[in-house]
Amino acid sequence: MPNNAHPSGGIAPAAGAARATLITPGQRPLAAEYDVALLDLDGVVYSGTQAIPGAPAALTRAREAGLRLAFVTNNASRSPSAVAEHLTRLGVAARSADVVTSAQAAATLIAGRVPPGSAVLVAGSNGLRLAVRERGLRPVSLAADRPVAVVQGFVPGINYELLAEAGVAVRDGAFYVATNSDSTLPTPRGPQPGNGSLLQVIITATGVKPVVAGKPETPLHAEAVARTGARHPLVVGDRLDTDIEGAVRGGADSMLVLTGVTTPQAAVLAPPGQRPTYIAVDLGGLVERQPVVGPRGHGTPGSADGSRPGAASTAVRGWQATWPGGPEPVELTGQGTWIDGLRALCAAAWAAGQVTGDMVAPALKTLGDLR
């Protein structure tokens, strides 16, 4: 992904403890700084059948500020038109062209490797078959059709016979691609086995690992950038290990929202490859002036990327987070909104290097009492 620098605040030296930083918000809301938001869906825009509170209104305001929206999902079980209809029912205007799925990214990946019209064994949904067909390939279900590739995506009710056919084709040399490798997927009953778990059937049987198209691998975001013509995209998601890691790998800035699976503690303890550029309570962060708390794109000199461990002190809008070094806890003092306190805590912890849950627990309790 492109990584175009732009003046949106950042980190400036400040007096105080070693490696002290003062983090100030940018001059304009994020919606005016980026051209396209690459938005994850579940946990960001909606949760199951319900919109995340405030999400439709926030996206409307972001569009009014000039930000284009692309809805980028690892879910390969539904077609773009079905996703767009769901979003529209929830109050988020969307066309099928605005939706980019891991099924489409997987089909594009295969189409770049095999001749047009090639047979591809599809172990997945009708939406995945449609994506394969739209890329000029011929979806099949039997190894006897001599497919040059196998693509596997999650679909409820996938049966043993289809997995067995896919396994035979992979064993015979077919190019093996997975839409995504999420080990679980969210359901009303809690996490259930996802496509990553089902991949293990063929991996175990053949010893072949697939090329993965979905987040955190780069093909899905690359597909979204190509489709939208984005020059300065902002990845928005609720998961560190897919959305944010995918942005880091692709060299894009990112915004973590706390409406899904990531907790404040998980954000503070995020490893270097999963640290977002911005942190927001929800999608309202798109229309706010945001302080840069983490690395931008491939990592900007001076950003809080944990590459130089040591004592650190960070100030964000009324909050001061300080780590004196060693096994001492990170101290958080000041007043203001809890999200600004979390931003200060994350920036200090990331600049310090590796901190533990025990070292940030007192500070998180302070913030928890404000939420």
Protein backbone atom coordinates (compact mmCIF):
# COMPACT_ATOMS: atom_id res chain seq x y z
CA MET A 1 0.00 0.00 0.00
CA PRO A 2 1.13 3.54 -0.53
CA ASN A 3 2.48 5.34 2.49
CA ASN A 4 2.28 9.05 1.76
CA ALA A 5 3.45 11.25 4.59
CA HIS A 6 1.21 14.13 5.59
CA PRO A 7 1.18 16.71 8.41
CA SER A 8 -1.29 15.41 10.98
CA GLY A 9 0.42 16.32 14.22
CA GLY A 10 2.70 13.65 15.62
CA ILE A 11 5.33 13.46 18.31
CA ALA A 12 7.45 16.38 19.42
CA PRO A 13 10.12 16.58 22.13
CA ALA A 14 9.08 17.68 25.59
CA ALA A 15 10.86 18.28 28.84
CA GLY A 16 10.78 15.58 31.50
CA ALA A 17 11.84 11.98 31.84
CA ALA A 18 14.04 10.11 29.40
CA ARG A 19 12.61 9.98 25.88
CA ALA A 20 9.68 12.18 26.91
CA THR A 21 7.18 12.91 24.15
CA LEU A 22 4.22 15.23 23.82
CA ILE A 23 1.61 13.83 21.47
CA THR A 24 -0.75 16.39 19.96
CA PRO A 25 -3.74 15.90 17.65
CA GLY A 26 -3.55 16.71 13.96
CA GLN A 27 -4.90 19.88 12.45
CA ARG A 28 -7.79 18.19 10.64
CA PRO A 29 -10.12 15.22 11.27
CA LEU A 30 -8.94 11.90 9.83
CA ALA A 31 -11.74 12.01 7.25
CA ALA A 32 -10.04 15.06 5.73
CA GLU A 33 -6.52 13.57 5.90
CA TYR A 34 -7.13 10.25 4.09
CA ASP A 35 -8.87 9.52 0.81
CA VAL A 36 -10.32 6.05 1.48
CA ALA A 37 -11.17 4.18 4.67
CA LEU A 38 -10.74 0.41 4.38
CA LEU A 39 -13.30 -0.65 6.97
CA ASP A 40 -13.61 -4.02 8.60
CA LEU A 41 -17.24 -4.94 9.25
CA ASP A 42 -18.05 -7.22 12.20
CA GLY A 43 -17.12 -5.44 15.42
CA VAL A 44 -16.58 -2.15 13.57
CA VAL A 45 -19.72 -1.28 11.56
CA TYR A 46 -22.03 -3.94 12.93
CA SER A 47 -22.22 -6.76 15.44
CA GLY A 48 -24.17 -9.65 13.94
CA THR A 49 -27.48 -8.25 12.72
CA GLN A 50 -27.24 -4.94 14.60
CA ALA A 51 -25.32 -1.77 13.78
CA ILE A 52 -22.68 -0.67 16.25
CA PRO A 53 -24.25 2.31 18.08
CA GLY A 54 -23.36 5.53 16.27
CA ALA A 55 -21.63 3.79 13.35
CA PRO A 56 -24.09 4.74 10.55
CA ALA A 57 -24.11 8.40 11.61
CA ALA A 58 -20.31 8.50 11.90
CA LEU A 59 -19.86 7.04 8.42
CA THR A 60 -22.33 9.53 7.00
CA ARG A 61 -20.36 12.41 8.52
CA ALA A 62 -17.10 10.92 7.25
CA ARG A 63 -18.46 10.76 3.72
CA GLU A 64 -19.69 14.34 3.98
CA ALA A 65 -16.11 15.31 4.89
CA GLY A 66 -14.88 13.75 1.64
CA LEU A 67 -13.76 10.29 2.83
CA ARG A 68 -14.61 7.40 0.52
CA LEU A 69 -15.54 4.10 2.14
CA ALA A 70 -14.64 0.53 1.22
CA PHE A 71 -15.97 -2.34 3.32
CA VAL A 72 -13.21 -4.94 3.52
CA THR A 73 -14.02 -8.30 5.08
CA ASN A 74 -12.35 -11.65 5.62
CA ASN A 75 -15.82 -13.21 5.46
CA ALA A 76 -15.97 -15.18 2.22
CA SER A 77 -19.36 -16.82 2.83
CA ARG A 78 -21.51 -13.93 1.56
CA SER A 79 -21.50 -12.15 -1.79
CA PRO A 80 -20.74 -8.41 -2.01
CA SER A 81 -24.36 -7.72 -2.93
CA ALA A 82 -25.59 -9.54 0.18
CA VAL A 83 -23.17 -7.57 2.37
CA ALA A 84 -24.24 -4.30 0.73
CA GLU A 85 -27.91 -5.09 1.34
CA HIS A 86 -27.16 -5.84 5.00
CA LEU A 87 -25.31 -2.54 5.40
CA THR A 88 -28.07 -0.58 3.69
CA ARG A 89 -30.70 -2.10 6.00
CA LEU A 90 -28.61 -0.91 8.95
CA GLY A 91 -28.52 2.65 7.65
CA VAL A 92 -25.12 2.56 5.94
CA ALA A 93 -25.50 3.33 2.24
CA ALA A 94 -23.48 0.76 0.30
CA ARG A 95 -23.28 -0.74 -3.17
CA SER A 96 -21.84 -4.13 -3.99
CA ALA A 97 -18.92 -2.29 -5.62
CA ASP A 98 -18.08 -0.81 -2.20
CA VAL A 99 -17.59 -4.28 -0.68
CA VAL A 100 -14.28 -6.13 -1.00
CA THR A 101 -14.19 -9.72 0.27
CA SER A 102 -11.44 -12.24 0.82
CA ALA A 103 -13.22 -14.41 -1.77
CA GLN A 104 -12.55 -11.77 -4.41
CA ALA A 105 -8.95 -11.35 -3.28
CA ALA A 106 -8.40 -15.11 -3.44
CA ALA A 107 -9.90 -15.32 -6.92
CA THR A 108 -7.72 -12.43 -8.12
CA LEU A 109 -4.65 -14.13 -6.65
CA ILE A 110 -5.45 -17.34 -8.57
CA ALA A 111 -6.28 -15.49 -11.80
CA GLY A 112 -2.81 -13.97 -11.73
CA ARG A 113 -1.23 -17.42 -11.68
CA VAL A 114 -3.26 -19.54 -14.14
CA PRO A 115 -4.63 -19.17 -17.71
CA PRO A 116 -8.15 -17.75 -18.23
CA GLY A 117 -10.86 -20.40 -18.20
CA SER A 118 -8.88 -22.72 -15.92
CA ALA A 119 -10.77 -25.09 -13.66
CA VAL A 120 -10.66 -24.14 -9.97
CA LEU A 121 -12.02 -26.45 -7.29
CA VAL A 122 -14.08 -24.34 -4.91
CA ALA A 123 -14.44 -25.61 -1.35
CA GLY A 124 -16.70 -22.87 -0.10
CA SER A 125 -19.81 -20.79 -0.63
CA ASN A 126 -21.71 -19.72 -3.73
CA GLY A 127 -20.20 -16.28 -3.14
CA LEU A 128 -16.74 -17.79 -3.55
CA ARG A 129 -17.81 -19.61 -6.73
CA LEU A 130 -19.17 -16.32 -8.07
CA ALA A 131 -15.88 -14.54 -7.33
CA VAL A 132 -13.96 -17.27 -9.17
CA ARG A 133 -16.29 -17.03 -12.17
CA GLU A 134 -16.06 -13.23 -12.25
CA ARG A 135 -12.27 -13.52 -12.61
CA GLY A 136 -12.69 -15.57 -15.79
CA LEU A 137 -12.11 -18.96 -14.15
CA ARG A 138 -14.28 -22.08 -14.14
CA PRO A 139 -15.46 -23.30 -10.71
CA VAL A 140 -15.65 -27.08 -10.26
CA SER A 141 -16.29 -29.47 -7.37
CA LEU A 142 -14.44 -32.63 -8.37
CA ALA A 143 -10.75 -33.53 -8.51
CA ALA A 144 -11.59 -35.53 -11.65
CA ASP A 145 -12.06 -32.19 -13.44
CA ARG A 146 -8.30 -31.68 -13.09
CA PRO A 147 -8.40 -28.26 -11.41
CA VAL A 148 -5.22 -26.21 -11.55
CA ALA A 149 -6.09 -24.57 -8.24
CA VAL A 150 -8.11 -25.16 -5.09
CA VAL A 151 -9.64 -22.30 -3.13
CA GLN A 152 -11.10 -22.89 0.32
CA GLY A 153 -13.37 -20.53 2.23
CA PHE A 154 -15.71 -20.86 5.17
CA VAL A 155 -19.29 -21.92 4.56
CA PRO A 156 -21.66 -23.43 7.14
CA GLY A 157 -22.36 -27.07 6.37
CA ILE A 158 -19.23 -27.77 4.33
CA ASN A 159 -19.09 -31.54 3.94
CA TYR A 160 -16.42 -34.21 4.07
CA GLU A 161 -16.85 -35.20 0.42
CA LEU A 162 -15.97 -31.72 -0.81
CA LEU A 163 -12.97 -31.44 1.51
CA ALA A 164 -11.81 -34.86 0.34
CA GLU A 165 -12.03 -33.76 -3.32
CA ALA A 166 -10.07 -30.62 -2.48
CA GLY A 167 -7.46 -32.71 -0.69
CA VAL A 168 -7.02 -35.01 -3.70
CA ALA A 169 -6.56 -32.02 -6.02
CA VAL A 170 -3.99 -30.40 -3.71
CA ARG A 171 -2.14 -33.70 -3.36
CA ASP A 172 -2.02 -33.90 -7.17
CA GLY A 173 -0.36 -30.49 -7.40
CA ALA A 174 -3.16 -27.92 -7.59
CA PHE A 175 -2.26 -24.42 -6.36
CA TYR A 176 -3.82 -24.19 -2.88
CA VAL A 177 -5.34 -20.86 -1.79
CA ALA A 178 -7.35 -19.94 1.31
CA THR A 179 -9.65 -16.95 1.53
CA ASN A 180 -8.56 -16.37 5.13
CA SER A 181 -7.00 -18.18 8.06
CA ASP A 182 -9.16 -16.94 10.95
CA SER A 183 -9.18 -19.80 13.45
CA THR A 184 -12.54 -18.73 14.88
CA LEU A 185 -15.52 -16.64 13.87
CA PRO A 186 -17.93 -14.73 16.13
CA THR A 187 -21.39 -16.15 16.75
CA PRO A 188 -24.18 -15.46 19.28
CA ARG A 189 -22.92 -18.56 21.13
CA GLY A 190 -19.35 -17.29 21.25
CA PRO A 191 -16.36 -18.10 19.02
CA GLN A 192 -16.84 -21.08 16.72
CA PRO A 193 -14.36 -22.83 14.37
CA GLY A 194 -13.53 -20.64 11.39
CA ASN A 195 -11.85 -21.22 8.05
CA GLY A 196 -8.41 -21.43 9.63
CA SER A 197 -9.55 -24.43 11.65
CA LEU A 198 -11.07 -26.12 8.60
CA LEU A 199 -7.88 -25.59 6.60
CA GLN A 200 -6.16 -27.99 8.95
CA VAL A 201 -8.10 -30.89 7.42
CA ILE A 202 -6.37 -30.51 4.06
CA ILE A 203 -3.07 -29.33 5.54
CA THR A 204 -2.91 -32.42 7.75
CA ALA A 205 -3.92 -34.76 4.92
CA THR A 206 -1.54 -33.37 2.29
CA GLY A 207 1.25 -31.56 4.14
CA VAL A 208 0.62 -28.52 1.92
CA LYS A 209 -0.07 -25.09 3.41
CA PRO A 210 -2.22 -22.66 1.42
CA VAL A 211 -1.41 -19.17 0.24
CA VAL A 212 -3.76 -16.93 2.24
CA ALA A 213 -5.54 -13.97 0.66
CA GLY A 214 -7.27 -12.47 3.69
CA LYS A 215 -6.02 -10.29 6.53
CA PRO A 216 -3.38 -10.12 7.94
CA GLU A 217 -1.85 -11.15 4.61
CA THR A 218 -1.67 -8.34 2.07
CA PRO A 219 -3.75 -9.50 -0.98
CA LEU A 220 -7.11 -8.39 0.46
CA HIS A 221 -6.03 -4.84 1.27
CA ALA A 222 -4.16 -4.70 -2.04
CA GLU A 223 -7.38 -5.66 -3.82
CA ALA A 224 -9.23 -2.89 -1.99
CA VAL A 225 -6.58 -0.30 -2.85
CA ALA A 226 -6.61 -1.34 -6.53
CA ARG A 227 -10.42 -1.29 -6.69
CA THR A 228 -10.76 2.14 -5.05
CA GLY A 229 -7.69 3.80 -6.51
CA ALA A 230 -6.71 4.84 -2.97
CA ARG A 231 -3.56 6.92 -2.72
CA HIS A 232 -3.61 7.38 1.05
CA PRO A 233 -5.81 4.70 2.67
CA LEU A 234 -6.64 4.33 6.33
CA VAL A 235 -7.29 0.79 7.58
CA VAL A 236 -9.97 0.67 10.29
CA GLY A 237 -10.57 -2.44 12.39
CA ASP A 238 -11.20 -3.96 15.78
CA ARG A 239 -8.68 -6.81 15.64
CA LEU A 240 -4.96 -6.42 16.21
CA ASP A 241 -4.01 -9.75 14.64
CA THR A 242 -5.89 -9.25 11.35
CA ASP A 243 -6.86 -5.64 10.63
CA ILE A 244 -3.97 -3.82 12.28
CA GLU A 245 -1.29 -6.38 11.47
CA GLY A 246 -2.50 -6.37 7.87
CA ALA A 247 -2.12 -2.59 7.75
CA VAL A 248 1.39 -2.77 9.21
CA ARG A 249 2.41 -5.43 6.70
CA GLY A 250 1.00 -3.39 3.83
CA GLY A 251 2.56 -0.10 4.94
CA ALA A 252 -0.71 1.73 5.65
CA ASP A 253 -1.81 3.84 8.60
CA SER A 254 -4.52 2.31 10.76
CA MET A 255 -7.15 3.13 13.37
CA LEU A 256 -8.14 0.64 16.05
CA VAL A 257 -11.70 0.93 17.36
CA LEU A 258 -12.72 -0.57 20.69
CA THR A 259 -16.19 -1.75 19.67
CA GLY A 260 -15.12 -5.31 18.87
CA VAL A 261 -12.74 -7.90 20.24
CA THR A 262 -9.73 -5.81 21.31
CA THR A 263 -9.70 -4.68 24.93
CA PRO A 264 -7.78 -1.69 26.30
CA GLN A 265 -5.31 -4.08 27.95
CA ALA A 266 -4.73 -5.92 24.67
CA ALA A 267 -4.10 -2.60 22.93
CA VAL A 268 -1.50 -1.54 25.51
CA LEU A 269 0.26 -4.91 25.25
CA ALA A 270 0.16 -5.07 21.44
CA PRO A 271 3.42 -6.34 19.91
CA PRO A 272 5.29 -4.09 17.45
CA GLY A 273 3.71 -5.64 14.34
CA GLN A 274 0.18 -5.01 15.63
CA ARG A 275 0.29 -1.40 16.82
CA PRO A 276 -2.19 1.02 15.26
CA THR A 277 -1.44 4.59 14.24
CA TYR A 278 -4.59 5.84 15.98
CA ILE A 279 -6.93 4.54 18.71
CA ALA A 280 -10.59 5.56 18.91
CA VAL A 281 -13.60 4.53 20.95
CA ASP A 282 -15.62 3.90 17.79
CA LEU A 283 -16.05 5.10 14.20
CA GLY A 284 -16.66 8.60 15.49
CA GLY A 285 -12.87 8.79 15.54
CA LEU A 286 -12.96 9.27 11.76
CA VAL A 287 -14.43 12.74 12.15
CA GLU A 288 -12.17 13.83 15.01
CA ARG A 289 -8.70 15.33 15.20
CA GLN A 290 -6.59 12.40 16.29
CA PRO A 291 -3.17 12.20 17.96
CA VAL A 292 -0.71 9.82 16.33
CA VAL A 293 0.10 7.26 19.04
CA GLY A 294 1.74 4.47 17.03
CA PRO A 295 3.90 3.94 13.96
CA ARG A 296 2.75 5.27 10.62
CA GLY A 297 2.88 3.05 7.61
CA HIS A 298 6.20 1.22 7.52
CA GLY A 299 7.29 3.13 10.64
CA THR A 300 8.31 6.75 10.88
CA PRO A 301 11.57 7.75 12.61
CA GLY A 302 10.75 8.77 16.15
CA SER A 303 7.47 6.87 16.24
CA ALA A 304 6.60 4.67 19.19
CA ASP A 305 7.55 1.33 17.66
CA GLY A 306 9.33 -0.25 20.61
CA SER A 307 12.63 -0.44 18.74
CA ARG A 308 14.61 1.41 21.43
CA PRO A 309 13.55 0.13 24.87
CA GLY A 310 14.09 2.45 27.81
CA ALA A 311 12.39 4.78 30.27
CA ALA A 312 9.59 6.74 28.62
CA SER A 313 7.12 9.50 29.38
CA THR A 314 4.23 10.47 27.12
CA ALA A 315 1.66 13.26 27.41
CA VAL A 316 -1.64 13.35 25.55
CA ARG A 317 -4.25 16.06 26.18
CA GLY A 318 -4.08 16.28 29.96
CA TRP A 319 -2.69 12.81 30.66
CA GLN A 320 0.90 11.84 31.47
CA ALA A 321 2.04 8.22 31.24
CA THR A 322 5.51 7.51 32.63
CA TRP A 323 7.56 4.34 32.85
CA PRO A 324 10.74 4.74 34.95
CA GLY A 325 12.28 1.52 33.66
CA GLY A 326 12.88 -1.94 35.07
CA PRO A 327 9.97 -3.89 36.56
CA GLU A 328 8.25 -0.73 37.85
CA PRO A 329 4.62 -0.12 36.82
CA VAL A 330 3.68 2.48 34.23
CA GLU A 331 2.28 5.51 36.06
CA LEU A 332 -0.70 7.40 34.67
CA THR A 333 -1.59 10.82 36.03
CA GLY A 334 -3.76 13.72 34.94
CA GLN A 335 -7.34 14.13 33.87
CA GLY A 336 -9.44 14.16 30.73
CA THR A 337 -11.28 11.57 28.67
CA TRP A 338 -10.43 7.93 29.30
CA ILE A 339 -9.59 7.37 25.63
CA ASP A 340 -6.89 10.07 25.77
CA GLY A 341 -5.55 8.38 28.88
CA LEU A 342 -5.41 5.10 26.98
CA ARG A 343 -3.62 6.79 24.10
CA ALA A 344 -0.97 8.14 26.46
CA LEU A 345 -0.61 4.75 28.13
CA CYS A 346 -0.23 2.93 24.80
CA ALA A 347 2.34 5.39 23.47
CA ALA A 348 4.44 5.13 26.63
CA ALA A 349 4.22 1.34 26.79
CA TRP A 350 5.12 0.95 23.12
CA ALA A 351 8.04 3.36 23.41
CA ALA A 352 9.26 1.52 26.50
CA GLY A 353 9.43 -1.81 24.70
CA GLN A 354 8.02 -4.93 26.33
CA VAL A 355 5.77 -4.27 29.31
CA THR A 356 3.64 -6.82 31.14
CA GLY A 357 0.02 -6.90 32.18
CA ASP A 358 1.01 -6.40 35.82
CA MET A 359 2.99 -3.29 34.92
CA VAL A 360 -0.02 -1.56 33.30
CA ALA A 361 -2.81 -2.95 35.52
CA PRO A 362 -2.94 0.05 37.94
CA ALA A 363 -3.14 2.53 35.06
CA LEU A 364 -5.85 0.51 33.31
CA LYS A 365 -7.86 0.42 36.53
CA THR A 366 -7.68 4.23 36.65
CA LEU A 367 -9.07 4.40 33.13
CA GLY A 368 -11.66 1.71 33.79
CA ASP A 369 -13.11 3.78 36.60
CA LEU A 370 -13.68 6.64 34.09
CA ARG A 371 -15.42 4.60 31.37
